[in-house]
């Protein structure tokens, strides 16, 4: 693929510290046009492929200051927190190409009520919903929709602000907890049936380019049991997906959303992550995110052949229209998340991780770091709830699963857990469309 001259020798800064950012760093490090690669704050795995710098991502001014100090050409935002705080606006004001939406556009993720407003204005299909400010309103919504009850914290909750349950008491307790926060609001939705799909679409504020779809697994235990997490695994491609699905999502969901935000004077530049359900009543949006999803990014980028820096730079600089069609390999990818003891509750951290080298030597497998850091003796320690993402790439989902779980067998982390059924139903042809 021809790369524009202005991109040659590009210096890139990736912000974040999870496995999603490790996947981004790994893809950018493989791009021959990236001559300097920085990450902030990074983790123990990212440190091996990029120059790591400290950065307080809770300070909306810090990313711009670091980007100016390093003299980078492109800043790529990983997590949602800095975007919702407006950090991307400050980077743009510094004259640096920025992959990530400004504060107003990032409300698409920062407020589920705002996302519902945008979808209504744009005619995007989604679940019926009530925005509730008190428990009386919640009770009315529960009576209208019935079980299963879907209760979503209006604000950011690291993927753990949603409860779906048949138990009204549990649903009310979650609503009460969310409403007790300062300015607390919740969204109560009608339950959506059918398999879920994650689709990332790059946007330069006007044009949209879709990546390959993936499916993730939110529940902590096998069989989709237990509480929601930030994501316990993912796979791509989706052999069960109907023909034309991606084009349908772009036409009916993502492009109208991008158009509506542009109409309001708050263009969305970055990645629109659409989480959708293929229901018995047709395509419905579950949620929008304003950044790459974790762990779906790990499998989607594992299949992308087009150099990543050029793609992100095109989105950041308003030139997606000139981007050639993305190239993908035919392989399948599966990622399995290794979580710390007690996750998704308060995780046990500070424990040594063993077997990383042996796991990384498994053919077709890659270990991406999330919650890790170096200890006093340069040993790798766990520092968060989701500790590692193990990615397997193979000829089909069965092959990719085998490679991922073979690599997992080499890893040791006291008290850790992971799901054993990631992509299994898809491999066996058991995913049913309604």
Protein backbone atom coordinates (compact mmCIF):
# COMPACT_ATOMS: atom_id res chain seq x y z
CA UNK A 1 0.00 0.00 0.00
CA UNK A 2 1.31 3.43 -0.92
CA UNK A 3 2.01 5.58 2.11
CA UNK A 4 1.80 9.34 1.82
CA UNK A 5 5.19 11.09 2.10
CA UNK A 6 4.07 13.17 5.08
CA UNK A 7 3.66 9.94 7.08
CA UNK A 8 7.14 8.54 6.54
CA UNK A 9 9.21 8.59 9.71
CA UNK A 10 6.15 9.12 11.89
CA UNK A 11 6.48 9.40 15.67
CA UNK A 12 3.52 7.93 17.56
CA UNK A 13 2.37 8.16 21.18
CA UNK A 14 -0.13 5.56 22.44
CA UNK A 15 -1.94 6.44 25.66
CA UNK A 16 -3.04 3.70 28.03
CA UNK A 17 -1.79 0.67 29.92
CA UNK A 18 -3.96 -2.32 29.00
CA UNK A 19 -3.85 -5.24 26.60
CA UNK A 20 -5.74 -3.12 24.07
CA UNK A 21 -2.85 -0.65 24.09
CA UNK A 22 -0.32 -3.48 23.93
CA UNK A 23 -2.11 -4.72 20.79
CA UNK A 24 -2.00 -1.21 19.30
CA UNK A 25 1.69 -0.84 20.18
CA UNK A 26 2.52 -4.23 18.72
CA UNK A 27 0.78 -3.38 15.44
CA UNK A 28 2.41 0.04 15.25
CA UNK A 29 5.85 -1.40 16.05
CA UNK A 30 5.46 -3.67 13.01
CA UNK A 31 4.72 -0.69 10.75
CA UNK A 32 7.95 0.28 8.90
CA UNK A 33 6.85 3.92 8.71
CA UNK A 34 6.83 4.27 12.51
CA UNK A 35 10.33 5.35 13.48
CA UNK A 36 9.67 6.33 17.10
CA UNK A 37 7.02 4.74 19.29
CA UNK A 38 6.08 5.89 22.77
CA UNK A 39 3.48 4.67 25.27
CA UNK A 40 2.20 6.25 28.45
CA UNK A 41 1.97 4.95 31.07
CA UNK A 42 2.33 1.50 29.46
CA UNK A 43 2.98 -1.80 31.23
CA UNK A 44 5.67 -4.47 31.46
CA UNK A 45 4.84 -5.94 28.05
CA UNK A 46 4.52 -2.62 26.25
CA UNK A 47 7.89 -1.62 27.68
CA UNK A 48 9.54 -4.23 25.42
CA UNK A 49 8.16 -2.64 22.23
CA UNK A 50 7.86 1.08 22.95
CA UNK A 51 9.58 3.77 24.95
CA UNK A 52 7.43 4.07 28.07
CA UNK A 53 6.77 7.40 29.75
CA UNK A 54 4.80 8.32 32.88
CA UNK A 55 1.56 10.19 32.29
CA UNK A 56 -1.37 10.97 34.57
CA UNK A 57 -4.34 10.14 32.37
CA UNK A 58 -6.73 11.64 34.92
CA UNK A 59 -5.27 15.06 34.07
CA UNK A 60 -6.77 16.22 30.75
CA UNK A 61 -3.77 18.47 30.10
CA UNK A 62 -1.10 15.81 30.65
CA UNK A 63 -1.32 13.99 27.28
CA UNK A 64 -0.89 17.23 25.31
CA UNK A 65 2.07 18.25 27.43
CA UNK A 66 3.76 14.89 26.93
CA UNK A 67 3.04 14.87 23.19
CA UNK A 68 4.64 18.31 22.81
CA UNK A 69 7.63 17.25 24.89
CA UNK A 70 8.21 14.16 22.75
CA UNK A 71 7.55 15.95 19.45
CA UNK A 72 5.24 13.22 18.17
CA UNK A 73 3.22 13.39 14.95
CA UNK A 74 0.26 11.26 16.06
CA UNK A 75 -1.39 10.59 19.42
CA UNK A 76 -3.58 7.49 19.76
CA UNK A 77 -5.97 7.37 22.72
CA UNK A 78 -6.65 3.94 24.19
CA UNK A 79 -8.94 4.27 27.23
CA UNK A 80 -12.17 6.21 27.48
CA UNK A 81 -11.42 8.17 30.65
CA UNK A 82 -9.12 10.81 29.13
CA UNK A 83 -11.46 11.23 26.15
CA UNK A 84 -14.47 11.97 28.34
CA UNK A 85 -12.33 14.49 30.24
CA UNK A 86 -11.49 16.30 26.99
CA UNK A 87 -7.81 15.36 26.73
CA UNK A 88 -8.04 14.91 22.95
CA UNK A 89 -9.20 18.52 22.55
CA UNK A 90 -6.00 19.77 24.18
CA UNK A 91 -3.81 17.58 21.96
CA UNK A 92 -5.57 18.92 18.85
CA UNK A 93 -5.16 22.48 20.08
CA UNK A 94 -1.42 21.75 20.22
CA UNK A 95 -1.52 21.07 16.46
CA UNK A 96 -0.86 17.33 16.74
CA UNK A 97 -2.82 14.72 14.75
CA UNK A 98 -5.14 13.07 17.27
CA UNK A 99 -6.91 9.72 17.05
CA UNK A 100 -9.72 10.06 19.57
CA UNK A 101 -12.86 12.18 19.87
CA UNK A 102 -13.13 15.47 21.68
CA UNK A 103 -15.01 15.84 24.93
CA UNK A 104 -18.43 16.55 23.44
CA UNK A 105 -18.30 13.69 20.91
CA UNK A 106 -16.94 11.32 23.59
CA UNK A 107 -20.24 11.76 25.45
CA UNK A 108 -21.42 9.03 23.10
CA UNK A 109 -19.74 6.71 25.63
CA UNK A 110 -19.60 9.00 28.65
CA UNK A 111 -23.40 9.22 28.96
CA UNK A 112 -25.75 6.44 27.95
CA UNK A 113 -28.63 8.91 28.12
CA UNK A 114 -26.83 11.15 25.59
CA UNK A 115 -26.19 8.14 23.35
CA UNK A 116 -29.92 7.35 23.40
CA UNK A 117 -30.65 10.98 22.46
CA UNK A 118 -28.24 10.79 19.51
CA UNK A 119 -29.69 7.48 18.34
CA UNK A 120 -33.23 8.85 18.50
CA UNK A 121 -32.25 11.90 16.46
CA UNK A 122 -30.36 9.78 13.93
CA UNK A 123 -32.99 7.06 13.61
CA UNK A 124 -30.64 4.36 14.86
CA UNK A 125 -32.33 1.11 16.01
CA UNK A 126 -31.83 0.43 19.69
CA UNK A 127 -33.64 -0.90 22.75
CA UNK A 128 -36.52 1.05 24.25
CA UNK A 129 -35.29 2.79 27.38
CA UNK A 130 -36.14 5.08 30.29
CA UNK A 131 -33.63 7.48 31.83
CA UNK A 132 -34.25 7.41 35.59
CA UNK A 133 -33.20 9.82 38.33
CA UNK A 134 -34.89 8.06 41.27
CA UNK A 135 -36.11 4.65 42.35
CA UNK A 136 -39.78 5.46 41.74
CA UNK A 137 -38.99 5.99 38.05
CA UNK A 138 -36.98 2.75 38.07
CA UNK A 139 -39.96 0.81 39.45
CA UNK A 140 -42.20 2.21 36.70
CA UNK A 141 -39.68 1.20 34.03
CA UNK A 142 -39.36 -2.30 35.50
CA UNK A 143 -43.13 -2.66 35.41
CA UNK A 144 -43.22 -1.58 31.76
CA UNK A 145 -40.38 -3.75 30.45
CA UNK A 146 -40.55 -6.75 32.78
CA UNK A 147 -37.76 -9.28 33.30
CA UNK A 148 -34.96 -9.73 32.45
CA UNK A 149 -34.19 -6.32 33.93
CA UNK A 150 -31.44 -4.30 32.21
CA UNK A 151 -29.96 -1.55 34.39
CA UNK A 152 -27.09 0.62 33.15
CA UNK A 153 -25.12 3.25 35.01
CA UNK A 154 -25.35 6.40 32.89
CA UNK A 155 -21.66 7.20 33.28
CA UNK A 156 -18.38 5.33 32.84
CA UNK A 157 -18.02 2.13 34.83
CA UNK A 158 -15.14 0.23 33.20
CA UNK A 159 -17.53 -2.23 31.57
CA UNK A 160 -19.03 -3.21 34.92
CA UNK A 161 -21.91 -0.72 35.20
CA UNK A 162 -24.50 -2.99 33.61
CA UNK A 163 -26.65 -5.58 35.37
CA UNK A 164 -28.93 -7.97 33.47
CA UNK A 165 -30.96 -10.15 35.81
CA UNK A 166 -34.32 -11.80 36.37
CA UNK A 167 -34.07 -10.90 40.07
CA UNK A 168 -35.86 -7.60 40.65
CA UNK A 169 -34.21 -7.12 44.04
CA UNK A 170 -30.73 -7.44 42.52
CA UNK A 171 -31.70 -5.01 39.75
CA UNK A 172 -33.05 -2.49 42.26
CA UNK A 173 -29.92 -2.79 44.41
CA UNK A 174 -27.75 -1.96 41.37
CA UNK A 175 -30.01 0.97 40.49
CA UNK A 176 -29.83 2.24 44.07
CA UNK A 177 -26.02 2.01 44.06
CA UNK A 178 -25.74 3.94 40.77
CA UNK A 179 -28.22 6.61 41.85
CA UNK A 180 -26.38 7.14 45.15
CA UNK A 181 -23.38 8.62 43.30
CA UNK A 182 -23.16 12.39 42.87
CA UNK A 183 -25.33 13.25 39.87
CA UNK A 184 -26.24 9.58 39.56
CA UNK A 185 -28.58 8.55 36.76
CA UNK A 186 -29.40 5.20 35.22
CA UNK A 187 -30.87 3.88 32.01
CA UNK A 188 -33.38 1.04 32.22
CA UNK A 189 -33.76 -0.81 28.92
CA UNK A 190 -35.90 -3.43 27.31
CA UNK A 191 -33.98 -6.72 27.14
CA UNK A 192 -32.46 -7.58 23.75
CA UNK A 193 -32.27 -11.21 22.67
CA UNK A 194 -29.91 -12.71 20.09
CA UNK A 195 -26.12 -13.00 19.66
CA UNK A 196 -23.97 -9.92 20.16
CA UNK A 197 -21.55 -8.32 17.72
CA UNK A 198 -18.81 -5.75 18.24
CA UNK A 199 -17.85 -3.58 15.28
CA UNK A 200 -15.15 -0.90 15.26
CA UNK A 201 -15.60 1.85 12.69
CA UNK A 202 -12.95 4.48 12.10
CA UNK A 203 -14.27 8.00 11.59
CA UNK A 204 -12.57 11.22 10.51
CA UNK A 205 -15.64 13.22 11.49
CA UNK A 206 -17.39 12.66 8.18
CA UNK A 207 -16.37 9.37 6.55
CA UNK A 208 -16.52 5.90 8.08
CA UNK A 209 -14.32 2.83 7.48
CA UNK A 210 -15.33 -0.42 9.16
CA UNK A 211 -12.93 -2.98 10.58
CA UNK A 212 -13.78 -6.68 10.89
CA UNK A 213 -16.48 -7.67 13.41
CA UNK A 214 -15.77 -9.60 16.60
CA UNK A 215 -17.69 -11.08 19.50
CA UNK A 216 -16.67 -10.65 23.12
CA UNK A 217 -17.63 -12.36 26.36
CA UNK A 218 -18.65 -10.10 29.22
CA UNK A 219 -19.59 -12.58 31.93
CA UNK A 220 -16.83 -13.82 34.19
CA UNK A 221 -17.54 -17.56 34.10
CA UNK A 222 -18.04 -20.27 31.48
CA UNK A 223 -21.51 -20.50 30.02
CA UNK A 224 -22.00 -16.74 30.36
CA UNK A 225 -22.54 -17.03 34.10
CA UNK A 226 -21.59 -14.62 36.85
CA UNK A 227 -21.31 -10.82 36.88
CA UNK A 228 -20.30 -8.59 33.98
CA UNK A 229 -16.63 -7.76 33.55
CA UNK A 230 -14.60 -5.56 31.24
CA UNK A 231 -14.39 -8.60 28.92
CA UNK A 232 -13.01 -12.13 29.35
CA UNK A 233 -12.25 -13.00 25.73
CA UNK A 234 -13.14 -12.44 22.10
CA UNK A 235 -12.87 -13.93 18.62
CA UNK A 236 -12.94 -12.91 14.97
CA UNK A 237 -14.23 -13.57 12.32
CA UNK A 238 -17.85 -14.51 13.00
CA UNK A 239 -18.66 -17.54 10.82
CA UNK A 240 -22.34 -17.31 11.75
CA UNK A 241 -22.79 -13.64 10.80
CA UNK A 242 -25.30 -12.98 8.01
CA UNK A 243 -24.02 -11.70 4.67
CA UNK A 244 -23.88 -7.92 4.47
CA UNK A 245 -23.87 -7.44 8.24
CA UNK A 246 -20.99 -4.94 8.34
CA UNK A 247 -22.44 -2.86 5.50
CA UNK A 248 -25.83 -2.89 7.25
CA UNK A 249 -24.31 -1.70 10.55
CA UNK A 250 -22.41 1.10 8.83
CA UNK A 251 -25.45 2.27 6.86
CA UNK A 252 -28.05 2.04 9.62
CA UNK A 253 -26.02 2.68 12.76
CA UNK A 254 -22.55 4.19 12.51
CA UNK A 255 -22.80 6.60 9.57
CA UNK A 256 -26.08 8.15 10.83
CA UNK A 257 -24.50 8.57 14.28
CA UNK A 258 -21.38 10.23 12.86
CA UNK A 259 -23.59 12.45 10.67
CA UNK A 260 -25.70 13.52 13.67
CA UNK A 261 -22.65 14.43 15.75
CA UNK A 262 -21.22 16.42 12.81
CA UNK A 263 -24.56 18.20 12.38
CA UNK A 264 -24.34 19.29 16.02
CA UNK A 265 -20.89 20.76 15.44
CA UNK A 266 -19.09 18.06 17.46
CA UNK A 267 -17.53 15.79 14.81
CA UNK A 268 -16.40 12.38 15.98
CA UNK A 269 -12.76 11.59 15.12
CA UNK A 270 -11.49 8.21 16.24
CA UNK A 271 -13.20 4.86 16.52
CA UNK A 272 -16.92 4.35 17.05
CA UNK A 273 -17.32 1.01 18.80
CA UNK A 274 -20.84 -0.27 18.22
CA UNK A 275 -22.00 -3.08 20.47
CA UNK A 276 -25.05 -4.68 18.87
CA UNK A 277 -27.53 -7.50 19.27
CA UNK A 278 -28.94 -9.41 16.32
CA UNK A 279 -32.45 -9.78 17.73
CA UNK A 280 -35.63 -11.45 16.52
CA UNK A 281 -36.79 -7.91 15.66
CA UNK A 282 -33.63 -7.05 13.73
CA UNK A 283 -30.39 -5.20 14.43
CA UNK A 284 -30.32 -3.20 17.70
CA UNK A 285 -27.57 -1.11 19.35
CA UNK A 286 -26.73 -2.15 22.90
CA UNK A 287 -24.13 0.56 23.49
CA UNK A 288 -21.60 2.83 21.89
CA UNK A 289 -18.02 3.27 23.01
CA UNK A 290 -15.72 6.07 21.89
CA UNK A 291 -12.55 3.99 21.63
CA UNK A 292 -11.23 0.56 20.70
CA UNK A 293 -12.77 -2.21 22.81
CA UNK A 294 -10.82 -4.57 25.01
CA UNK A 295 -10.50 -7.55 24.34
CA UNK A 296 -11.90 -7.26 20.78
CA UNK A 297 -8.99 -5.07 19.63
CA UNK A 298 -6.61 -7.92 20.35
CA UNK A 299 -8.27 -10.22 17.79
CA UNK A 300 -9.19 -7.60 15.19
CA UNK A 301 -5.66 -6.20 14.94
CA UNK A 302 -4.25 -9.73 14.83
CA UNK A 303 -6.01 -10.12 11.47
CA UNK A 304 -5.25 -6.67 9.97
CA UNK A 305 -2.57 -6.64 7.25
CA UNK A 306 -2.73 -2.95 6.31
CA UNK A 307 -0.08 -0.90 8.19
CA UNK A 308 -1.86 0.57 11.20
CA UNK A 309 -0.19 3.99 11.48
CA UNK A 310 -1.38 5.04 8.03
CA UNK A 311 -4.95 4.03 8.86
CA UNK A 312 -5.07 5.89 12.19
CA UNK A 313 -3.34 8.92 10.70
CA UNK A 314 -5.93 9.07 7.89
CA UNK A 315 -8.73 9.13 10.45
CA UNK A 316 -6.96 11.74 12.57
CA UNK A 317 -6.35 14.06 9.61
CA UNK A 318 -9.69 13.88 7.78
CA UNK A 319 -8.46 11.75 4.88
CA UNK A 320 -10.30 8.44 5.27
CA UNK A 321 -11.94 9.05 1.90
CA UNK A 322 -8.51 8.57 0.27
CA UNK A 323 -7.69 5.39 2.19
CA UNK A 324 -7.42 2.25 0.09
CA UNK A 325 -9.48 -0.77 1.09
CA UNK A 326 -8.11 -2.41 4.22
CA UNK A 327 -6.40 -5.75 3.76
CA UNK A 328 -7.10 -8.69 6.09
CA UNK A 329 -5.65 -12.13 6.47
CA UNK A 330 -7.97 -15.14 6.27
CA UNK A 331 -6.92 -16.50 9.64
CA UNK A 332 -9.07 -16.63 12.75
CA UNK A 333 -8.04 -15.09 16.06
CA UNK A 334 -9.12 -15.91 19.62
CA UNK A 335 -8.08 -14.07 22.76
CA UNK A 336 -8.53 -15.34 26.32
CA UNK A 337 -8.17 -13.01 29.29
CA UNK A 338 -6.28 -14.13 32.39
CA UNK A 339 -7.88 -12.39 35.38
CA UNK A 340 -6.57 -11.91 38.89
CA UNK A 341 -8.03 -13.63 41.92
CA UNK A 342 -11.41 -12.12 42.95
CA UNK A 343 -11.92 -10.22 39.67
CA UNK A 344 -14.35 -8.57 38.83
CA UNK A 345 -14.36 -7.66 42.51
CA UNK A 346 -11.34 -5.99 44.11
CA UNK A 347 -8.48 -7.98 42.52
CA UNK A 348 -5.55 -9.48 44.40
CA UNK A 349 -2.43 -7.83 42.94
CA UNK A 350 1.33 -7.90 43.35
CA UNK A 351 1.75 -11.57 42.51
CA UNK A 352 4.52 -12.86 40.21
CA UNK A 353 3.62 -14.13 36.74
CA UNK A 354 5.51 -17.14 35.42
CA UNK A 355 5.80 -18.90 32.08
CA UNK A 356 5.66 -15.80 29.89
CA UNK A 357 8.58 -16.82 27.70
CA UNK A 358 7.30 -20.37 27.22
CA UNK A 359 3.80 -19.12 26.37
CA UNK A 360 5.20 -16.67 23.85
CA UNK A 361 7.07 -19.48 22.10
CA UNK A 362 3.87 -21.34 21.19
CA UNK A 363 3.46 -21.06 17.42
CA UNK A 364 0.68 -18.67 16.50
CA UNK A 365 0.28 -17.36 20.05
CA UNK A 366 1.03 -13.94 21.53
CA UNK A 367 0.80 -12.84 25.15
CA UNK A 368 -0.36 -9.24 25.55
CA UNK A 369 0.03 -7.54 28.91
CA UNK A 370 -2.69 -5.60 30.70
CA UNK A 371 -2.34 -5.28 34.46
CA UNK A 372 1.41 -5.86 34.78
CA UNK A 373 4.52 -4.06 35.99
CA UNK A 374 8.12 -4.90 36.78
CA UNK A 375 9.01 -5.70 40.36
CA UNK A 376 12.15 -4.81 42.28
CA UNK A 377 14.11 -7.66 40.69
CA UNK A 378 12.68 -7.13 37.19
CA UNK A 379 10.15 -9.89 37.69
CA UNK A 380 6.70 -9.32 36.14
CA UNK A 381 3.97 -8.72 38.72
CA UNK A 382 0.20 -8.46 38.44
CA UNK A 383 -1.22 -4.97 39.04
CA UNK A 384 -4.88 -5.14 37.99
CA UNK A 385 -7.99 -7.21 37.48
CA UNK A 386 -7.41 -8.25 33.89
CA UNK A 387 -3.75 -9.22 33.84
CA UNK A 388 -3.00 -10.76 30.42
CA UNK A 389 -4.65 -11.39 27.06
CA UNK A 390 -3.45 -14.54 25.29
CA UNK A 391 -4.09 -14.40 21.54
CA UNK A 392 -4.09 -17.44 19.29
CA UNK A 393 -4.11 -17.11 15.49
CA UNK A 394 -4.86 -20.10 13.30
CA UNK A 395 -6.48 -21.32 10.11
CA UNK A 396 -9.90 -21.45 11.76
CA UNK A 397 -11.44 -20.83 15.18
CA UNK A 398 -10.63 -24.34 16.38
CA UNK A 399 -6.97 -23.93 15.49
CA UNK A 400 -6.83 -20.44 17.01
CA UNK A 401 -8.47 -21.67 20.24
CA UNK A 402 -6.02 -24.54 20.48
CA UNK A 403 -3.03 -22.22 20.18
CA UNK A 404 -4.39 -19.73 22.73
CA UNK A 405 -5.15 -22.38 25.34
CA UNK A 406 -1.83 -24.16 24.73
CA UNK A 407 -0.05 -20.90 25.53
CA UNK A 408 -2.26 -20.43 28.59
CA UNK A 409 -1.12 -23.79 29.94
CA UNK A 410 2.39 -22.38 30.32
CA UNK A 411 1.35 -19.37 32.42
CA UNK A 412 1.31 -19.29 36.20
CA UNK A 413 -0.36 -16.68 38.40
CA UNK A 414 -1.60 -17.69 41.83
CA UNK A 415 -5.37 -17.44 42.17
CA UNK A 416 -5.91 -16.42 38.54
CA UNK A 417 -8.84 -17.59 36.43
CA UNK A 418 -9.99 -17.55 32.83
CA UNK A 419 -12.86 -18.85 30.75
CA UNK A 420 -12.39 -22.17 28.95
CA UNK A 421 -15.21 -21.66 26.44
CA UNK A 422 -14.13 -18.57 24.46
CA UNK A 423 -15.29 -19.04 20.82
CA UNK A 424 -16.30 -22.65 21.53
CA UNK A 425 -19.94 -22.31 20.45
CA UNK A 426 -18.86 -20.55 17.25
CA UNK A 427 -16.29 -23.27 16.52
CA UNK A 428 -18.97 -25.94 16.97
CA UNK A 429 -21.51 -24.05 14.84
CA UNK A 430 -23.84 -23.61 17.81
CA UNK A 431 -24.42 -19.84 17.61
CA UNK A 432 -28.05 -19.44 16.61
CA UNK A 433 -29.57 -16.38 14.97
CA UNK A 434 -33.13 -15.64 16.14
